[in-house]
Every structure is written in C-alpha cells, then in structure tokens.
Amino acid sequence: MTYVMSDLHGRYDLYIKMLEKIKFGKEDTLYILGDCVDRGDEGLKIVLDIAERDNVIGLMGNHDFLALSILSNLDRGFKPGQLEDMRYLIDMWKMDGGMSTYNEYKKLSPEERNLALMTIDGFRNYAEVKIGEREFVLCHGGIRDYSEDRPLADYTIEDLAFFREDYSKPKFAKRGKYLVTGHTPTAAIEGATEDKIYKNHD
C-alpha cells in the first residue's frame, strides 16, 4: 500500500500513532510531503526515524528547507557577512516555529545532527507515482506556473514548496493524473471542509 502524510510539524507522537493505525509494514511505502520540522518539539526525531526506514520517502517542505539552510551553517560557522544576509530568513524561521527545531538540534549529538541534516538534504522536491492506471504528482505546496511542456525537474524549490496551489481548477490536461499536496490548511481552501482531506479538480 502507498500512503501520504504531510505537515507533521514536530509531532512525532502523532506520526508514530498514524503508522500504528495503518499497520505500516515493510511492504508499504510512505511519502511525507514536507514540513517534518518546526512548531512541534520533535521534528528532527521524525527526520531521524525517516533515516532508518527504506520505505519512507521525504519530500522538501518550506520549513524543512529553511531549517536545513540555517542549521547547516551553525556548526561550520557563518562566513563574514553571511549572517546579515540570512537575517531575514532566520527571523522568519524563528517567528514561524523554528525555535523548537533549533532547541531540539542543540540537544542532538554531532552524529545525530549530521544524520538529520543529511537526511533533510536528501529530501526530494517532488515525486511521481503510478498506481494502476492513475498517476500522481506529489509535492509540498503545488506547482507554480505549471506548463505541460516544462519538465518537473525544471521547477525550483520555491515553485514546489513555498507556492500555495490554486485548487479551484484542474492542473493537468491528462485524465487520471492527480496533484497531491500539503502546505495549505483546508480551512484556507474555498469549498473545503476544515480538517478533512480536500479532493476536487484532480
């Protein structure tokens, strides 16, 4: 069975509870569509769990990207002027839940820090999955300025992880092809029911 989760935001307890609920086994595959870290206190614990599993595939979310960009510079030190250049990103990250990840990071051993950062750095920007006759494109936020003529590999992390998708119209011309995202709370989608999975327009 193929499963998708998104926006765990440091809730390792709920992550494990969900794996137990679906009886997740070695024959299954799980895609996590980004934002493992920030806000909750155990985001890096989720990342370290992903590192131990061959059948859990992480995709890059905006929070993961910011955490990686900032934390990877902490141990090796910022170059002259780099800290000031990154001040806006750091402040934005801290205001949006990054302090919990920073505090967790400080408690990790050097080996755990390295493994956590390597694992996040290995997160994909998107994934394409075929199940039977159906095709699925998975990413964190959506696909900004999508064109059928442009390969998915040409889209940037900003296009796929920071962008909020417009769910009011279909994305693909091909029937049986679906876009699956996280990032945007269903409460912010017109016509969606809060706390329920939103399905419409493929």
N, C-alpha and C. Protein backbone atom coordinates (compact mmCIF):
# COMPACT_ATOMS: atom_id res chain seq x y z
N MET A 1 0.85 -1.19 0.00
CA MET A 1 0.00 0.00 0.00
C MET A 1 0.90 1.25 0.00
N THR A 2 0.45 2.27 -0.70
CA THR A 2 1.17 3.54 -0.73
C THR A 2 0.39 4.57 0.07
N TYR A 3 1.09 5.25 0.96
CA TYR A 3 0.47 6.25 1.84
C TYR A 3 1.15 7.60 1.67
N VAL A 4 0.42 8.65 2.02
CA VAL A 4 0.94 10.01 2.01
C VAL A 4 0.56 10.70 3.30
N MET A 5 1.53 11.39 3.90
CA MET A 5 1.27 12.28 5.04
C MET A 5 1.93 13.63 4.71
N SER A 6 1.55 14.65 5.42
CA SER A 6 2.20 15.95 5.23
C SER A 6 2.11 16.78 6.49
N ASP A 7 3.02 17.75 6.59
CA ASP A 7 2.97 18.78 7.64
C ASP A 7 2.86 18.18 9.04
N LEU A 8 3.79 17.30 9.36
CA LEU A 8 3.80 16.70 10.70
C LEU A 8 4.26 17.71 11.75
N HIS A 9 5.06 18.67 11.37
CA HIS A 9 5.47 19.79 12.23
C HIS A 9 5.84 19.37 13.65
N GLY A 10 6.78 18.44 13.73
CA GLY A 10 7.34 18.10 15.03
C GLY A 10 6.51 17.20 15.90
N ARG A 11 5.39 16.70 15.40
CA ARG A 11 4.52 15.84 16.20
C ARG A 11 4.89 14.37 15.97
N TYR A 12 6.02 13.98 16.52
CA TYR A 12 6.48 12.60 16.41
C TYR A 12 5.45 11.64 16.99
N ASP A 13 4.78 12.05 18.06
CA ASP A 13 3.78 11.18 18.70
C ASP A 13 2.65 10.84 17.74
N LEU A 14 2.17 11.84 16.99
CA LEU A 14 1.08 11.60 16.04
C LEU A 14 1.57 10.82 14.82
N TYR A 15 2.80 11.06 14.43
CA TYR A 15 3.42 10.32 13.32
C TYR A 15 3.45 8.83 13.63
N ILE A 16 3.94 8.47 14.81
CA ILE A 16 4.00 7.06 15.21
C ILE A 16 2.60 6.49 15.39
N LYS A 17 1.71 7.28 15.95
CA LYS A 17 0.33 6.82 16.14
C LYS A 17 -0.32 6.49 14.80
N MET A 18 -0.06 7.31 13.77
CA MET A 18 -0.62 7.05 12.45
C MET A 18 -0.01 5.80 11.83
N LEU A 19 1.31 5.61 11.99
CA LEU A 19 1.94 4.40 11.45
C LEU A 19 1.34 3.15 12.09
N GLU A 20 1.06 3.23 13.37
CA GLU A 20 0.44 2.10 14.06
C GLU A 20 -0.99 1.89 13.58
N LYS A 21 -1.71 2.98 13.35
CA LYS A 21 -3.11 2.89 12.93
C LYS A 21 -3.24 2.22 11.56
N ILE A 22 -2.32 2.54 10.63
CA ILE A 22 -2.40 1.95 9.29
C ILE A 22 -1.63 0.63 9.22
N LYS A 23 -1.05 0.21 10.36
CA LYS A 23 -0.26 -1.03 10.40
C LYS A 23 0.82 -1.00 9.32
N PHE A 24 1.57 0.08 9.32
CA PHE A 24 2.61 0.31 8.31
C PHE A 24 3.68 -0.77 8.40
N GLY A 25 3.91 -1.45 7.27
CA GLY A 25 4.87 -2.55 7.24
C GLY A 25 5.93 -2.36 6.17
N LYS A 26 6.87 -3.29 6.10
CA LYS A 26 8.00 -3.19 5.18
C LYS A 26 7.57 -3.23 3.72
N GLU A 27 6.40 -3.82 3.45
CA GLU A 27 5.92 -3.90 2.07
C GLU A 27 5.20 -2.62 1.64
N ASP A 28 4.96 -1.70 2.56
CA ASP A 28 4.27 -0.44 2.27
C ASP A 28 5.29 0.65 1.93
N THR A 29 4.79 1.72 1.34
CA THR A 29 5.61 2.90 1.06
C THR A 29 4.88 4.13 1.58
N LEU A 30 5.61 5.00 2.26
CA LEU A 30 5.05 6.25 2.77
C LEU A 30 5.82 7.43 2.20
N TYR A 31 5.10 8.38 1.63
CA TYR A 31 5.68 9.66 1.22
C TYR A 31 5.26 10.71 2.23
N ILE A 32 6.22 11.45 2.75
CA ILE A 32 5.92 12.58 3.64
C ILE A 32 6.16 13.85 2.84
N LEU A 33 5.10 14.61 2.61
CA LEU A 33 5.16 15.74 1.70
C LEU A 33 5.65 17.02 2.36
N GLY A 34 6.68 16.91 3.17
CA GLY A 34 7.33 18.10 3.69
C GLY A 34 6.83 18.59 5.03
N ASP A 35 7.61 19.50 5.58
CA ASP A 35 7.37 20.13 6.87
C ASP A 35 7.31 19.12 8.01
N CYS A 36 8.36 18.34 8.11
CA CYS A 36 8.52 17.45 9.27
C CYS A 36 8.85 18.26 10.52
N VAL A 37 9.53 19.39 10.33
CA VAL A 37 10.10 20.14 11.45
C VAL A 37 9.31 21.41 11.76
N ASP A 38 9.72 22.05 12.87
CA ASP A 38 9.20 23.35 13.34
C ASP A 38 7.84 23.22 14.02
N ARG A 39 7.61 24.16 14.92
CA ARG A 39 6.38 24.27 15.73
C ARG A 39 6.33 23.23 16.82
N GLY A 40 6.28 21.95 16.49
CA GLY A 40 6.34 20.90 17.50
C GLY A 40 7.78 20.66 17.94
N ASP A 41 7.95 19.89 19.01
CA ASP A 41 9.26 19.75 19.64
C ASP A 41 10.11 18.60 19.13
N GLU A 42 9.55 17.73 18.25
CA GLU A 42 10.30 16.53 17.87
C GLU A 42 10.36 16.32 16.36
N GLY A 43 10.55 17.41 15.64
CA GLY A 43 10.65 17.30 14.19
C GLY A 43 11.89 16.55 13.73
N LEU A 44 13.01 16.80 14.37
CA LEU A 44 14.24 16.10 13.99
C LEU A 44 14.19 14.64 14.38
N LYS A 45 13.40 14.32 15.39
CA LYS A 45 13.18 12.91 15.75
C LYS A 45 12.44 12.20 14.62
N ILE A 46 11.50 12.88 13.98
CA ILE A 46 10.82 12.33 12.81
C ILE A 46 11.84 12.12 11.68
N VAL A 47 12.68 13.12 11.46
CA VAL A 47 13.70 13.04 10.40
C VAL A 47 14.64 11.86 10.65
N LEU A 48 15.06 11.68 11.89
CA LEU A 48 15.96 10.56 12.21
C LEU A 48 15.26 9.22 12.04
N ASP A 49 13.95 9.19 12.28
CA ASP A 49 13.18 7.97 12.03
C ASP A 49 13.13 7.67 10.53
N ILE A 50 12.92 8.70 9.72
CA ILE A 50 12.91 8.53 8.27
C ILE A 50 14.25 7.95 7.80
N ALA A 51 15.34 8.41 8.40
CA ALA A 51 16.67 7.94 8.02
C ALA A 51 16.85 6.45 8.24
N GLU A 52 16.09 5.88 9.17
CA GLU A 52 16.21 4.46 9.49
C GLU A 52 15.29 3.57 8.66
N ARG A 53 14.44 4.17 7.85
CA ARG A 53 13.44 3.38 7.10
C ARG A 53 13.70 3.51 5.60
N ASP A 54 13.77 2.38 4.91
CA ASP A 54 13.97 2.39 3.46
C ASP A 54 12.69 2.73 2.70
N ASN A 55 11.55 2.57 3.35
CA ASN A 55 10.28 2.73 2.65
C ASN A 55 9.52 4.00 3.04
N VAL A 56 10.22 4.95 3.68
CA VAL A 56 9.64 6.27 3.95
C VAL A 56 10.45 7.29 3.17
N ILE A 57 9.77 8.04 2.31
CA ILE A 57 10.43 8.97 1.40
C ILE A 57 10.01 10.40 1.75
N GLY A 58 10.98 11.22 2.10
CA GLY A 58 10.71 12.60 2.47
C GLY A 58 10.78 13.53 1.28
N LEU A 59 9.81 14.42 1.18
CA LEU A 59 9.83 15.50 0.20
C LEU A 59 10.06 16.81 0.93
N MET A 60 10.68 17.75 0.25
CA MET A 60 11.09 19.00 0.88
C MET A 60 9.92 19.96 1.04
N GLY A 61 9.72 20.41 2.28
CA GLY A 61 8.75 21.47 2.56
C GLY A 61 9.48 22.77 2.82
N ASN A 62 8.76 23.87 2.85
CA ASN A 62 9.40 25.16 3.09
C ASN A 62 10.07 25.22 4.46
N HIS A 63 9.46 24.60 5.47
CA HIS A 63 10.08 24.60 6.80
C HIS A 63 11.33 23.74 6.82
N ASP A 64 11.31 22.60 6.16
CA ASP A 64 12.50 21.76 6.08
C ASP A 64 13.63 22.50 5.39
N PHE A 65 13.29 23.19 4.31
CA PHE A 65 14.31 23.92 3.54
C PHE A 65 14.95 25.02 4.37
N LEU A 66 14.14 25.78 5.09
CA LEU A 66 14.68 26.85 5.92
C LEU A 66 15.53 26.28 7.05
N ALA A 67 15.05 25.23 7.70
CA ALA A 67 15.81 24.61 8.79
C ALA A 67 17.16 24.12 8.29
N LEU A 68 17.16 23.46 7.16
CA LEU A 68 18.42 22.96 6.59
C LEU A 68 19.36 24.11 6.26
N SER A 69 18.84 25.14 5.64
CA SER A 69 19.66 26.29 5.24
C SER A 69 20.32 26.96 6.44
N ILE A 70 19.60 27.04 7.55
CA ILE A 70 20.11 27.74 8.73
C ILE A 70 20.96 26.82 9.60
N LEU A 71 20.46 25.64 9.91
CA LEU A 71 21.18 24.75 10.82
C LEU A 71 22.49 24.25 10.22
N SER A 72 22.54 24.08 8.91
CA SER A 72 23.77 23.59 8.29
C SER A 72 24.92 24.59 8.42
N ASN A 73 24.58 25.85 8.68
CA ASN A 73 25.62 26.87 8.87
C ASN A 73 26.05 27.02 10.32
N LEU A 74 25.27 26.50 11.26
CA LEU A 74 25.57 26.73 12.67
C LEU A 74 26.88 26.09 13.10
N ASP A 75 27.05 24.81 12.75
CA ASP A 75 28.23 24.09 13.22
C ASP A 75 29.51 24.54 12.51
N ARG A 76 29.39 24.83 11.21
CA ARG A 76 30.60 25.22 10.48
C ARG A 76 30.85 26.72 10.55
N GLY A 77 29.87 27.45 11.07
CA GLY A 77 30.03 28.89 11.25
C GLY A 77 29.66 29.67 10.00
N PHE A 78 29.13 30.85 10.21
CA PHE A 78 28.75 31.71 9.10
C PHE A 78 29.99 32.42 8.55
N LYS A 79 30.05 32.56 7.26
CA LYS A 79 31.13 33.33 6.63
C LYS A 79 30.89 34.81 6.91
N PRO A 80 31.94 35.63 6.80
CA PRO A 80 31.77 37.07 7.02
C PRO A 80 30.65 37.65 6.15
N GLY A 81 29.72 38.32 6.79
CA GLY A 81 28.61 38.94 6.08
C GLY A 81 27.43 38.02 5.81
N GLN A 82 27.67 36.70 5.95
CA GLN A 82 26.60 35.75 5.63
C GLN A 82 25.45 35.82 6.63
N LEU A 83 25.81 36.03 7.91
CA LEU A 83 24.77 36.09 8.94
C LEU A 83 23.81 37.24 8.67
N GLU A 84 24.34 38.38 8.29
CA GLU A 84 23.49 39.53 7.99
C GLU A 84 22.64 39.26 6.75
N ASP A 85 23.23 38.59 5.76
CA ASP A 85 22.49 38.27 4.54
C ASP A 85 21.31 37.34 4.84
N MET A 86 21.50 36.48 5.85
CA MET A 86 20.46 35.50 6.17
C MET A 86 19.54 35.94 7.30
N ARG A 87 19.74 37.15 7.80
CA ARG A 87 18.98 37.61 8.97
C ARG A 87 17.47 37.54 8.73
N TYR A 88 17.03 37.95 7.54
CA TYR A 88 15.59 37.92 7.25
C TYR A 88 15.05 36.48 7.32
N LEU A 89 15.79 35.55 6.70
CA LEU A 89 15.37 34.14 6.72
C LEU A 89 15.34 33.60 8.14
N ILE A 90 16.35 33.92 8.91
CA ILE A 90 16.43 33.43 10.29
C ILE A 90 15.27 33.97 11.11
N ASP A 91 15.00 35.26 10.98
CA ASP A 91 13.90 35.87 11.74
C ASP A 91 12.56 35.28 11.32
N MET A 92 12.37 35.07 10.00
CA MET A 92 11.13 34.47 9.51
C MET A 92 10.97 33.05 10.05
N TRP A 93 12.06 32.29 10.05
CA TRP A 93 12.04 30.91 10.54
C TRP A 93 11.72 30.87 12.03
N LYS A 94 12.34 31.76 12.80
CA LYS A 94 12.10 31.79 14.25
C LYS A 94 10.65 32.13 14.55
N MET A 95 10.09 33.10 13.82
CA MET A 95 8.71 33.51 14.06
C MET A 95 7.71 32.43 13.68
N ASP A 96 8.09 31.54 12.76
CA ASP A 96 7.16 30.53 12.25
C ASP A 96 7.47 29.14 12.81
N GLY A 97 8.00 29.09 14.02
CA GLY A 97 8.15 27.81 14.70
C GLY A 97 9.53 27.20 14.69
N GLY A 98 10.51 27.92 14.15
CA GLY A 98 11.86 27.36 14.03
C GLY A 98 12.60 27.19 15.33
N MET A 99 12.23 27.92 16.37
CA MET A 99 12.96 27.82 17.64
C MET A 99 12.86 26.43 18.24
N SER A 100 11.73 25.77 18.06
CA SER A 100 11.59 24.42 18.60
C SER A 100 12.58 23.47 17.93
N THR A 101 12.78 23.63 16.63
CA THR A 101 13.75 22.80 15.90
C THR A 101 15.17 23.15 16.32
N TYR A 102 15.45 24.43 16.49
CA TYR A 102 16.79 24.85 16.94
C TYR A 102 17.09 24.28 18.33
N ASN A 103 16.14 24.34 19.23
CA ASN A 103 16.35 23.81 20.58
C ASN A 103 16.54 22.30 20.56
N GLU A 104 15.80 21.61 19.71
CA GLU A 104 15.97 20.16 19.58
C GLU A 104 17.34 19.84 18.98
N TYR A 105 17.75 20.61 17.99
CA TYR A 105 19.04 20.41 17.32
C TYR A 105 20.21 20.51 18.30
N LYS A 106 20.12 21.49 19.20
CA LYS A 106 21.21 21.69 20.18
C LYS A 106 21.39 20.48 21.10
N LYS A 107 20.32 19.70 21.29
CA LYS A 107 20.38 18.54 22.20
C LYS A 107 20.93 17.28 21.52
N LEU A 108 21.03 17.30 20.19
CA LEU A 108 21.50 16.13 19.46
C LEU A 108 23.01 15.99 19.54
N SER A 109 23.48 14.76 19.43
CA SER A 109 24.92 14.51 19.34
C SER A 109 25.41 14.98 17.98
N PRO A 110 26.72 15.21 17.82
CA PRO A 110 27.23 15.60 16.49
C PRO A 110 26.85 14.61 15.40
N GLU A 111 26.85 13.32 15.72
CA GLU A 111 26.49 12.30 14.74
C GLU A 111 25.02 12.40 14.35
N GLU A 112 24.16 12.64 15.34
CA GLU A 112 22.73 12.78 15.06
C GLU A 112 22.45 14.05 14.25
N ARG A 113 23.16 15.12 14.58
CA ARG A 113 22.99 16.36 13.81
C ARG A 113 23.34 16.13 12.34
N ASN A 114 24.49 15.49 12.13
CA ASN A 114 24.94 15.24 10.76
C ASN A 114 23.94 14.36 10.00
N LEU A 115 23.44 13.31 10.65
CA LEU A 115 22.48 12.42 10.00
C LEU A 115 21.18 13.15 9.70
N ALA A 116 20.71 13.97 10.64
CA ALA A 116 19.46 14.72 10.42
C ALA A 116 19.59 15.66 9.23
N LEU A 117 20.70 16.40 9.16
CA LEU A 117 20.88 17.35 8.06
C LEU A 117 21.07 16.63 6.73
N MET A 118 21.81 15.53 6.74
CA MET A 118 21.99 14.74 5.52
C MET A 118 20.66 14.19 5.02
N THR A 119 19.81 13.77 5.96
CA THR A 119 18.51 13.21 5.58
C THR A 119 17.62 14.28 4.97
N ILE A 120 17.54 15.45 5.60
CA ILE A 120 16.74 16.54 5.03
C ILE A 120 17.29 16.95 3.66
N ASP A 121 18.60 17.02 3.56
CA ASP A 121 19.24 17.40 2.29
C ASP A 121 18.90 16.40 1.18
N GLY A 122 18.58 15.18 1.56
CA GLY A 122 18.21 14.15 0.59
C GLY A 122 16.73 14.13 0.24
N PHE A 123 15.94 14.98 0.90
CA PHE A 123 14.51 15.06 0.55
C PHE A 123 14.35 15.49 -0.90
N ARG A 124 13.41 14.89 -1.59
CA ARG A 124 13.14 15.24 -2.98
C ARG A 124 12.26 16.49 -3.05
N ASN A 125 12.32 17.18 -4.17
CA ASN A 125 11.43 18.33 -4.38
C ASN A 125 10.02 17.88 -4.78
N TYR A 126 9.94 16.72 -5.42
CA TYR A 126 8.66 16.17 -5.85
C TYR A 126 8.84 14.68 -6.09
N ALA A 127 7.73 13.99 -6.27
CA ALA A 127 7.77 12.57 -6.65
C ALA A 127 6.63 12.30 -7.61
N GLU A 128 6.85 11.37 -8.51
CA GLU A 128 5.81 10.91 -9.42
C GLU A 128 5.56 9.44 -9.14
N VAL A 129 4.30 9.10 -8.91
CA VAL A 129 3.92 7.75 -8.52
C VAL A 129 2.81 7.26 -9.44
N LYS A 130 2.95 6.04 -9.93
CA LYS A 130 1.89 5.43 -10.74
C LYS A 130 1.33 4.25 -9.99
N ILE A 131 0.01 4.25 -9.82
CA ILE A 131 -0.70 3.16 -9.14
C ILE A 131 -1.82 2.72 -10.07
N GLY A 132 -1.68 1.53 -10.63
CA GLY A 132 -2.63 1.08 -11.64
C GLY A 132 -2.58 2.00 -12.84
N GLU A 133 -3.74 2.49 -13.25
CA GLU A 133 -3.80 3.42 -14.39
C GLU A 133 -3.68 4.88 -13.98
N ARG A 134 -3.62 5.13 -12.69
CA ARG A 134 -3.59 6.51 -12.20
C ARG A 134 -2.16 6.99 -11.94
N GLU A 135 -1.92 8.25 -12.24
CA GLU A 135 -0.62 8.88 -12.00
C GLU A 135 -0.79 9.99 -10.97
N PHE A 136 0.17 10.09 -10.07
CA PHE A 136 0.13 11.09 -9.02
C PHE A 136 1.43 11.89 -9.02
N VAL A 137 1.31 13.20 -8.94
CA VAL A 137 2.46 14.07 -8.72
C VAL A 137 2.36 14.57 -7.28
N LEU A 138 3.39 14.32 -6.51
CA LEU A 138 3.42 14.69 -5.10
C LEU A 138 4.42 15.82 -4.88
N CYS A 139 4.02 16.84 -4.16
CA CYS A 139 4.95 17.90 -3.75
C CYS A 139 4.36 18.60 -2.54
N HIS A 140 5.12 19.50 -1.96
CA HIS A 140 4.65 20.11 -0.71
C HIS A 140 3.56 21.14 -0.94
N GLY A 141 3.83 22.14 -1.80
CA GLY A 141 2.91 23.26 -1.90
C GLY A 141 2.03 23.29 -3.13
N GLY A 142 2.59 22.91 -4.26
CA GLY A 142 1.88 23.00 -5.53
C GLY A 142 2.90 23.16 -6.63
N ILE A 143 2.46 23.56 -7.82
CA ILE A 143 3.38 23.78 -8.94
C ILE A 143 3.08 25.16 -9.52
N ARG A 144 3.95 26.10 -9.24
CA ARG A 144 3.73 27.48 -9.71
C ARG A 144 3.99 27.57 -11.22
N ASP A 145 3.09 28.25 -11.93
CA ASP A 145 3.22 28.49 -13.38
C ASP A 145 3.42 27.18 -14.13
N TYR A 146 2.57 26.21 -13.82
CA TYR A 146 2.71 24.89 -14.45
C TYR A 146 2.45 24.94 -15.94
N SER A 147 3.30 24.22 -16.70
CA SER A 147 3.12 24.06 -18.13
C SER A 147 3.35 22.60 -18.48
N GLU A 148 2.51 22.05 -19.33
CA GLU A 148 2.66 20.67 -19.78
C GLU A 148 3.99 20.47 -20.51
N ASP A 149 4.54 21.56 -21.05
CA ASP A 149 5.78 21.47 -21.84
C ASP A 149 7.04 21.60 -20.99
N ARG A 150 6.87 21.83 -19.70
CA ARG A 150 8.04 22.05 -18.83
C ARG A 150 8.24 20.86 -17.90
N PRO A 151 9.40 20.21 -17.93
CA PRO A 151 9.64 19.07 -17.05
C PRO A 151 9.60 19.49 -15.58
N LEU A 152 9.09 18.62 -14.72
CA LEU A 152 9.00 18.92 -13.29
C LEU A 152 10.37 19.22 -12.70
N ALA A 153 11.41 18.60 -13.25
CA ALA A 153 12.76 18.82 -12.74
C ALA A 153 13.23 20.26 -12.92
N ASP A 154 12.57 21.01 -13.80
CA ASP A 154 12.96 22.40 -14.05
C ASP A 154 12.38 23.38 -13.03
N TYR A 155 11.44 22.92 -12.20
CA TYR A 155 10.83 23.81 -11.21
C TYR A 155 11.71 23.91 -9.97
N THR A 156 11.75 25.09 -9.38
CA THR A 156 12.60 25.33 -8.22
C THR A 156 11.89 24.93 -6.93
N ILE A 157 12.63 24.93 -5.84
CA ILE A 157 12.04 24.63 -4.53
C ILE A 157 10.99 25.69 -4.18
N GLU A 158 11.22 26.92 -4.60
CA GLU A 158 10.22 27.97 -4.35
C GLU A 158 8.94 27.68 -5.12
N ASP A 159 9.06 27.14 -6.33
CA ASP A 159 7.88 26.80 -7.14
C ASP A 159 7.07 25.67 -6.54
N LEU A 160 7.74 24.73 -5.86
CA LEU A 160 7.10 23.50 -5.41
C LEU A 160 6.79 23.45 -3.92
N ALA A 161 7.57 24.16 -3.11
CA ALA A 161 7.40 24.05 -1.66
C ALA A 161 6.86 25.32 -1.01
N PHE A 162 7.19 26.47 -1.53
CA PHE A 162 6.74 27.73 -0.94
C PHE A 162 5.43 28.22 -1.56
N PHE A 163 5.15 27.82 -2.78
CA PHE A 163 3.96 28.24 -3.51
C PHE A 163 2.71 27.59 -2.93
N ARG A 164 1.62 28.35 -2.85
CA ARG A 164 0.32 27.80 -2.43
C ARG A 164 -0.53 27.57 -3.68
N GLU A 165 -0.94 26.33 -3.85
CA GLU A 165 -1.67 25.93 -5.05
C GLU A 165 -3.06 26.56 -5.11
N ASP A 166 -3.52 26.81 -6.32
CA ASP A 166 -4.89 27.24 -6.58
C ASP A 166 -5.70 25.97 -6.87
N TYR A 167 -6.55 25.57 -5.93
CA TYR A 167 -7.29 24.32 -6.06
C TYR A 167 -8.63 24.47 -6.78
N SER A 168 -8.87 25.65 -7.34
CA SER A 168 -10.18 25.90 -7.96
C SER A 168 -10.28 25.40 -9.39
N LYS A 169 -9.16 24.91 -9.94
CA LYS A 169 -9.19 24.43 -11.33
C LYS A 169 -8.24 23.26 -11.50
N PRO A 170 -8.49 22.43 -12.49
CA PRO A 170 -7.60 21.28 -12.72
C PRO A 170 -6.19 21.73 -13.07
N LYS A 171 -5.21 20.88 -12.75
CA LYS A 171 -3.82 21.20 -13.03
C LYS A 171 -3.35 20.56 -14.33
N PHE A 172 -3.79 19.33 -14.57
CA PHE A 172 -3.26 18.55 -15.70
C PHE A 172 -4.32 18.35 -16.77
N ALA A 173 -3.90 18.35 -18.03
CA ALA A 173 -4.81 18.08 -19.14
C ALA A 173 -5.13 16.58 -19.21
N LYS A 174 -4.18 15.76 -18.80
CA LYS A 174 -4.36 14.31 -18.90
C LYS A 174 -5.34 13.80 -17.85
N ARG A 175 -6.30 12.99 -18.29
CA ARG A 175 -7.24 12.37 -17.36
C ARG A 175 -6.52 11.29 -16.56
N GLY A 176 -6.90 11.14 -15.30
CA GLY A 176 -6.28 10.12 -14.47
C GLY A 176 -4.95 10.52 -13.88
N LYS A 177 -4.63 11.83 -13.96
CA LYS A 177 -3.40 12.35 -13.35
C LYS A 177 -3.79 13.32 -12.26
N TYR A 178 -3.18 13.18 -11.09
CA TYR A 178 -3.61 13.92 -9.91
C TYR A 178 -2.43 14.62 -9.23
N LEU A 179 -2.70 15.78 -8.67
CA LEU A 179 -1.73 16.50 -7.86
C LEU A 179 -2.08 16.30 -6.38
N VAL A 180 -1.09 15.94 -5.58
CA VAL A 180 -1.30 15.74 -4.14
C VAL A 180 -0.32 16.65 -3.40
N THR A 181 -0.85 17.51 -2.54
CA THR A 181 -0.01 18.47 -1.81
C THR A 181 -0.38 18.50 -0.33
N GLY A 182 0.44 19.18 0.42
CA GLY A 182 0.15 19.56 1.79
C GLY A 182 0.14 21.08 1.83
N HIS A 183 0.82 21.65 2.83
CA HIS A 183 1.14 23.07 2.93
C HIS A 183 -0.05 23.97 3.25
N THR A 184 -1.09 23.94 2.44
CA THR A 184 -2.23 24.84 2.64
C THR A 184 -3.28 24.17 3.52
N PRO A 185 -3.59 24.74 4.69
CA PRO A 185 -4.65 24.16 5.53
C PRO A 185 -5.97 24.14 4.77
N THR A 186 -6.76 23.09 4.96
CA THR A 186 -8.03 23.00 4.23
C THR A 186 -8.96 24.17 4.58
N ALA A 187 -8.80 24.74 5.76
CA ALA A 187 -9.63 25.88 6.14
C ALA A 187 -9.41 27.08 5.21
N ALA A 188 -8.26 27.10 4.51
CA ALA A 188 -7.94 28.21 3.61
C ALA A 188 -8.35 27.93 2.17
N ILE A 189 -8.96 26.76 1.92
CA ILE A 189 -9.38 26.40 0.57
C ILE A 189 -10.89 26.60 0.46
N GLU A 190 -11.31 27.42 -0.48
CA GLU A 190 -12.73 27.69 -0.66
C GLU A 190 -13.46 26.39 -1.03
N GLY A 191 -14.53 26.11 -0.31
CA GLY A 191 -15.32 24.92 -0.58
C GLY A 191 -14.84 23.68 0.15
N ALA A 192 -13.73 23.79 0.88
CA ALA A 192 -13.21 22.63 1.61
C ALA A 192 -13.80 22.59 3.01
N THR A 193 -13.78 21.41 3.59
CA THR A 193 -14.20 21.23 4.97
C THR A 193 -12.97 21.17 5.85
N GLU A 194 -12.93 22.03 6.86
CA GLU A 194 -11.75 22.08 7.73
C GLU A 194 -11.49 20.71 8.35
N ASP A 195 -10.20 20.34 8.40
CA ASP A 195 -9.74 19.09 9.00
C ASP A 195 -10.15 17.85 8.20
N LYS A 196 -10.58 18.05 6.95
CA LYS A 196 -10.89 16.91 6.08
C LYS A 196 -10.00 17.01 4.83
N ILE A 197 -9.67 15.86 4.26
CA ILE A 197 -8.90 15.86 3.01
C ILE A 197 -9.77 16.47 1.91
N TYR A 198 -9.19 17.41 1.17
CA TYR A 198 -9.91 18.08 0.09
C TYR A 198 -9.61 17.39 -1.23
N LYS A 199 -10.65 16.98 -1.95
CA LYS A 199 -10.49 16.34 -3.25
C LYS A 199 -11.38 17.07 -4.25
N ASN A 200 -10.76 17.61 -5.30
CA ASN A 200 -11.53 18.29 -6.35
C ASN A 200 -10.59 18.60 -7.52
N HIS A 201 -11.12 18.64 -8.71
CA HIS A 201 -10.36 19.03 -9.91
C HIS A 201 -9.05 18.24 -10.04
N ASP A 202 -9.07 16.97 -9.77
CA ASP A 202 -7.89 16.11 -9.84
C ASP A 202 -6.81 16.56 -8.89
